[in-house]
């Protein structure tokens, strides 16, 4: 039963990561421009600190979106599982 649940979760994460990769297809002529714009807008490489706590929260939210996109484009299914569950996809027999 646990092995089935793990396999379903693995399939779900693999499918969702595939969806992200299709949307942000590296072969698209527009993907670099869109990802560059999103990185800037979401403060991918900048601090989200701001003196106004409401603005800081807004900037943190933007960055969280960037991190989710980035994770789904760059991490393996196993890494995604660890990120979201704090565990591994290994079953009781390490399968």
N, C-alpha and C. Protein backbone atom coordinates (compact mmCIF):
# COMPACT_ATOMS: atom_id res chain seq x y z
N UNK A 1 0.83 -1.19 0.00
CA UNK A 1 0.00 0.00 0.00
C UNK A 1 0.87 1.26 0.00
N UNK A 2 1.87 1.30 0.89
CA UNK A 2 2.76 2.45 0.93
C UNK A 2 3.52 2.58 -0.38
N UNK A 3 3.96 1.46 -0.92
CA UNK A 3 4.69 1.49 -2.20
C UNK A 3 3.81 2.07 -3.30
N UNK A 4 2.52 1.71 -3.30
CA UNK A 4 1.59 2.25 -4.31
C UNK A 4 1.42 3.76 -4.14
N UNK A 5 1.29 4.21 -2.91
CA UNK A 5 1.14 5.65 -2.65
C UNK A 5 2.38 6.41 -3.08
N UNK A 6 3.54 5.85 -2.77
CA UNK A 6 4.79 6.50 -3.17
C UNK A 6 4.89 6.56 -4.69
N UNK A 7 4.50 5.49 -5.36
CA UNK A 7 4.56 5.47 -6.82
C UNK A 7 3.59 6.49 -7.43
N UNK A 8 2.39 6.59 -6.86
CA UNK A 8 1.42 7.59 -7.35
C UNK A 8 1.95 9.00 -7.14
N UNK A 9 2.55 9.24 -5.99
CA UNK A 9 3.11 10.56 -5.71
C UNK A 9 4.26 10.86 -6.67
N UNK A 10 5.11 9.88 -6.88
CA UNK A 10 6.22 10.04 -7.82
C UNK A 10 5.70 10.37 -9.21
N UNK A 11 4.69 9.64 -9.66
CA UNK A 11 4.10 9.89 -10.98
C UNK A 11 3.50 11.29 -11.05
N UNK A 12 2.82 11.71 -9.97
CA UNK A 12 2.23 13.05 -9.94
C UNK A 12 3.31 14.12 -10.07
N UNK A 13 4.37 14.00 -9.27
CA UNK A 13 5.44 15.00 -9.31
C UNK A 13 6.15 15.00 -10.66
N UNK A 14 6.36 13.82 -11.22
CA UNK A 14 6.99 13.72 -12.54
C UNK A 14 6.11 14.40 -13.59
N UNK A 15 4.81 14.16 -13.52
CA UNK A 15 3.89 14.79 -14.47
C UNK A 15 3.84 16.30 -14.32
N UNK A 16 3.81 16.77 -13.08
CA UNK A 16 3.75 18.22 -12.85
C UNK A 16 5.04 18.88 -13.31
N UNK A 17 6.18 18.27 -13.03
CA UNK A 17 7.46 18.82 -13.49
C UNK A 17 7.49 18.83 -15.01
N UNK A 18 6.95 17.79 -15.64
CA UNK A 18 6.88 17.75 -17.10
C UNK A 18 6.04 18.89 -17.65
N UNK A 19 4.95 19.21 -16.97
CA UNK A 19 4.11 20.33 -17.40
C UNK A 19 4.89 21.64 -17.35
N UNK A 20 5.61 21.86 -16.27
CA UNK A 20 6.43 23.07 -16.16
C UNK A 20 7.46 23.11 -17.28
N UNK A 21 8.09 21.96 -17.55
CA UNK A 21 9.14 21.92 -18.58
C UNK A 21 8.57 22.15 -19.97
N UNK A 22 7.35 21.70 -20.21
CA UNK A 22 6.73 21.96 -21.52
C UNK A 22 6.36 23.43 -21.66
N UNK A 23 5.82 24.02 -20.61
CA UNK A 23 5.45 25.44 -20.66
C UNK A 23 6.69 26.31 -20.83
N UNK A 24 7.75 25.97 -20.10
CA UNK A 24 8.99 26.75 -20.17
C UNK A 24 10.04 26.01 -21.00
N UNK A 25 9.61 25.54 -22.17
CA UNK A 25 10.44 24.77 -23.09
C UNK A 25 11.68 25.56 -23.51
N UNK A 26 12.85 25.00 -23.26
CA UNK A 26 14.12 25.68 -23.59
C UNK A 26 14.27 25.95 -25.09
N UNK A 27 13.52 25.24 -25.92
CA UNK A 27 13.62 25.45 -27.37
C UNK A 27 12.73 26.60 -27.86
N UNK A 28 11.87 27.10 -26.99
CA UNK A 28 11.00 28.21 -27.35
C UNK A 28 11.82 29.48 -27.53
N UNK A 29 11.48 30.25 -28.54
CA UNK A 29 12.20 31.50 -28.78
C UNK A 29 11.91 32.53 -27.68
N UNK A 30 10.82 32.36 -26.96
CA UNK A 30 10.41 33.35 -25.96
C UNK A 30 10.77 32.98 -24.52
N UNK A 31 11.15 31.75 -24.28
CA UNK A 31 11.32 31.29 -22.90
C UNK A 31 12.40 32.08 -22.16
N UNK A 32 13.51 32.39 -22.79
CA UNK A 32 14.56 33.14 -22.10
C UNK A 32 14.09 34.53 -21.70
N UNK A 33 13.36 35.19 -22.58
CA UNK A 33 12.85 36.52 -22.26
C UNK A 33 11.85 36.46 -21.10
N UNK A 34 10.98 35.46 -21.12
CA UNK A 34 9.97 35.33 -20.07
C UNK A 34 10.63 34.98 -18.74
N UNK A 35 11.55 34.01 -18.74
CA UNK A 35 12.21 33.63 -17.49
C UNK A 35 13.08 34.77 -16.94
N UNK A 36 13.71 35.53 -17.82
CA UNK A 36 14.50 36.68 -17.37
C UNK A 36 13.60 37.73 -16.73
N UNK A 37 12.46 37.98 -17.36
CA UNK A 37 11.51 38.94 -16.80
C UNK A 37 10.96 38.46 -15.46
N UNK A 38 10.57 37.18 -15.39
CA UNK A 38 10.06 36.64 -14.13
C UNK A 38 11.13 36.66 -13.04
N UNK A 39 12.36 36.35 -13.39
CA UNK A 39 13.44 36.37 -12.40
C UNK A 39 13.60 37.77 -11.81
N UNK A 40 13.54 38.77 -12.67
CA UNK A 40 13.67 40.15 -12.19
C UNK A 40 12.45 40.54 -11.34
N UNK A 41 11.25 40.28 -11.85
CA UNK A 41 10.02 40.64 -11.15
C UNK A 41 9.90 39.91 -9.81
N UNK A 42 10.31 38.65 -9.78
CA UNK A 42 10.18 37.83 -8.57
C UNK A 42 11.38 37.93 -7.64
N UNK A 43 12.35 38.77 -8.01
CA UNK A 43 13.55 38.97 -7.21
C UNK A 43 14.29 37.66 -6.96
N UNK A 44 14.51 36.93 -8.04
CA UNK A 44 15.19 35.64 -7.95
C UNK A 44 16.59 35.79 -7.38
N UNK A 45 17.25 36.89 -7.69
CA UNK A 45 18.64 37.09 -7.29
C UNK A 45 18.83 38.34 -6.44
N UNK A 46 17.77 38.76 -5.77
CA UNK A 46 17.84 39.97 -4.96
C UNK A 46 17.10 39.73 -3.64
N UNK A 47 17.43 40.52 -2.67
CA UNK A 47 16.77 40.43 -1.38
C UNK A 47 15.31 40.87 -1.49
N UNK A 48 14.47 40.26 -0.69
CA UNK A 48 13.07 40.67 -0.62
C UNK A 48 12.82 41.57 0.59
N UNK A 49 13.88 41.93 1.28
CA UNK A 49 13.74 42.81 2.45
C UNK A 49 13.21 44.17 2.01
N UNK A 50 12.31 44.72 2.81
CA UNK A 50 11.72 46.03 2.52
C UNK A 50 11.25 46.60 3.86
N UNK A 51 11.38 47.92 4.06
CA UNK A 51 10.95 48.51 5.34
C UNK A 51 9.45 48.37 5.60
N UNK A 52 8.66 48.33 4.55
CA UNK A 52 7.21 48.15 4.69
C UNK A 52 6.93 46.65 4.77
N UNK A 53 6.40 46.15 5.89
CA UNK A 53 6.18 44.71 6.03
C UNK A 53 5.20 44.13 5.01
N UNK A 54 4.25 44.93 4.56
CA UNK A 54 3.31 44.45 3.54
C UNK A 54 4.02 44.25 2.21
N UNK A 55 4.88 45.20 1.86
CA UNK A 55 5.65 45.07 0.63
C UNK A 55 6.64 43.91 0.73
N UNK A 56 7.25 43.74 1.90
CA UNK A 56 8.18 42.62 2.11
C UNK A 56 7.45 41.29 1.91
N UNK A 57 6.22 41.19 2.44
CA UNK A 57 5.43 39.96 2.26
C UNK A 57 5.09 39.74 0.80
N UNK A 58 4.75 40.80 0.09
CA UNK A 58 4.45 40.70 -1.34
C UNK A 58 5.67 40.21 -2.10
N UNK A 59 6.83 40.78 -1.80
CA UNK A 59 8.06 40.38 -2.48
C UNK A 59 8.43 38.94 -2.15
N UNK A 60 8.20 38.52 -0.90
CA UNK A 60 8.44 37.12 -0.53
C UNK A 60 7.54 36.18 -1.34
N UNK A 61 6.29 36.58 -1.53
CA UNK A 61 5.36 35.78 -2.33
C UNK A 61 5.82 35.65 -3.77
N UNK A 62 6.27 36.75 -4.34
CA UNK A 62 6.79 36.70 -5.71
C UNK A 62 7.97 35.74 -5.79
N UNK A 63 8.87 35.84 -4.81
CA UNK A 63 10.06 34.99 -4.83
C UNK A 63 9.67 33.52 -4.68
N UNK A 64 8.65 33.24 -3.88
CA UNK A 64 8.19 31.87 -3.71
C UNK A 64 7.71 31.29 -5.04
N UNK A 65 7.03 32.10 -5.83
CA UNK A 65 6.59 31.65 -7.16
C UNK A 65 7.80 31.33 -8.03
N UNK A 66 8.81 32.22 -8.02
CA UNK A 66 10.02 31.97 -8.81
C UNK A 66 10.68 30.65 -8.38
N UNK A 67 10.80 30.44 -7.07
CA UNK A 67 11.44 29.23 -6.58
C UNK A 67 10.69 27.98 -7.02
N UNK A 68 9.37 28.05 -7.01
CA UNK A 68 8.58 26.88 -7.44
C UNK A 68 8.83 26.58 -8.91
N UNK A 69 8.80 27.61 -9.75
CA UNK A 69 9.08 27.41 -11.18
C UNK A 69 10.48 26.83 -11.35
N UNK A 70 11.44 27.43 -10.71
CA UNK A 70 12.84 27.00 -10.82
C UNK A 70 13.02 25.55 -10.36
N UNK A 71 12.41 25.21 -9.24
CA UNK A 71 12.51 23.84 -8.73
C UNK A 71 11.96 22.84 -9.73
N UNK A 72 10.80 23.14 -10.29
CA UNK A 72 10.18 22.19 -11.22
C UNK A 72 10.93 22.10 -12.55
N UNK A 73 11.68 23.11 -12.89
CA UNK A 73 12.47 23.06 -14.12
C UNK A 73 13.82 22.37 -13.90
N UNK A 74 14.33 22.40 -12.68
CA UNK A 74 15.71 21.98 -12.46
C UNK A 74 15.91 20.77 -11.54
N UNK A 75 14.94 20.43 -10.73
CA UNK A 75 15.13 19.33 -9.79
C UNK A 75 14.57 18.02 -10.33
N UNK A 76 15.17 16.92 -9.90
CA UNK A 76 14.66 15.59 -10.26
C UNK A 76 13.38 15.31 -9.47
N UNK A 77 12.66 14.27 -9.86
CA UNK A 77 11.45 13.89 -9.13
C UNK A 77 11.79 13.58 -7.68
N UNK A 78 12.89 12.88 -7.45
CA UNK A 78 13.33 12.55 -6.08
C UNK A 78 13.59 13.83 -5.28
N UNK A 79 14.27 14.79 -5.89
CA UNK A 79 14.55 16.05 -5.21
C UNK A 79 13.28 16.83 -4.91
N UNK A 80 12.34 16.83 -5.85
CA UNK A 80 11.06 17.50 -5.61
C UNK A 80 10.33 16.86 -4.43
N UNK A 81 10.33 15.54 -4.40
CA UNK A 81 9.67 14.83 -3.30
C UNK A 81 10.29 15.21 -1.97
N UNK A 82 11.62 15.21 -1.91
CA UNK A 82 12.31 15.58 -0.68
C UNK A 82 11.96 17.01 -0.28
N UNK A 83 11.92 17.90 -1.26
CA UNK A 83 11.64 19.31 -1.01
C UNK A 83 10.26 19.48 -0.38
N UNK A 84 9.27 18.77 -0.91
CA UNK A 84 7.89 18.99 -0.47
C UNK A 84 7.45 18.08 0.67
N UNK A 85 8.20 17.00 0.93
CA UNK A 85 7.76 16.09 1.99
C UNK A 85 8.80 15.90 3.08
N UNK A 86 10.05 16.26 2.80
CA UNK A 86 11.11 16.03 3.77
C UNK A 86 11.50 14.57 3.88
N UNK A 87 11.15 13.78 2.86
CA UNK A 87 11.42 12.34 2.88
C UNK A 87 12.06 11.93 1.56
N UNK A 88 12.06 10.64 1.30
CA UNK A 88 12.56 10.12 0.03
C UNK A 88 11.49 9.27 -0.61
N UNK A 89 11.66 8.96 -1.88
CA UNK A 89 10.71 8.11 -2.59
C UNK A 89 11.01 6.63 -2.39
N UNK A 90 12.00 6.29 -1.63
CA UNK A 90 12.35 4.89 -1.42
C UNK A 90 11.28 4.22 -0.58
N UNK A 91 10.90 3.03 -0.98
CA UNK A 91 9.95 2.25 -0.22
C UNK A 91 10.64 1.51 0.91
N UNK A 92 9.91 0.63 1.61
CA UNK A 92 10.50 -0.08 2.73
C UNK A 92 11.66 -1.00 2.32
N UNK A 93 11.67 -1.43 1.06
CA UNK A 93 12.75 -2.29 0.57
C UNK A 93 13.75 -1.51 -0.27
N UNK A 94 13.77 -0.18 -0.11
CA UNK A 94 14.64 0.70 -0.90
C UNK A 94 14.41 0.56 -2.39
N UNK A 95 13.17 0.32 -2.78
CA UNK A 95 12.87 0.21 -4.21
C UNK A 95 12.16 1.42 -4.74
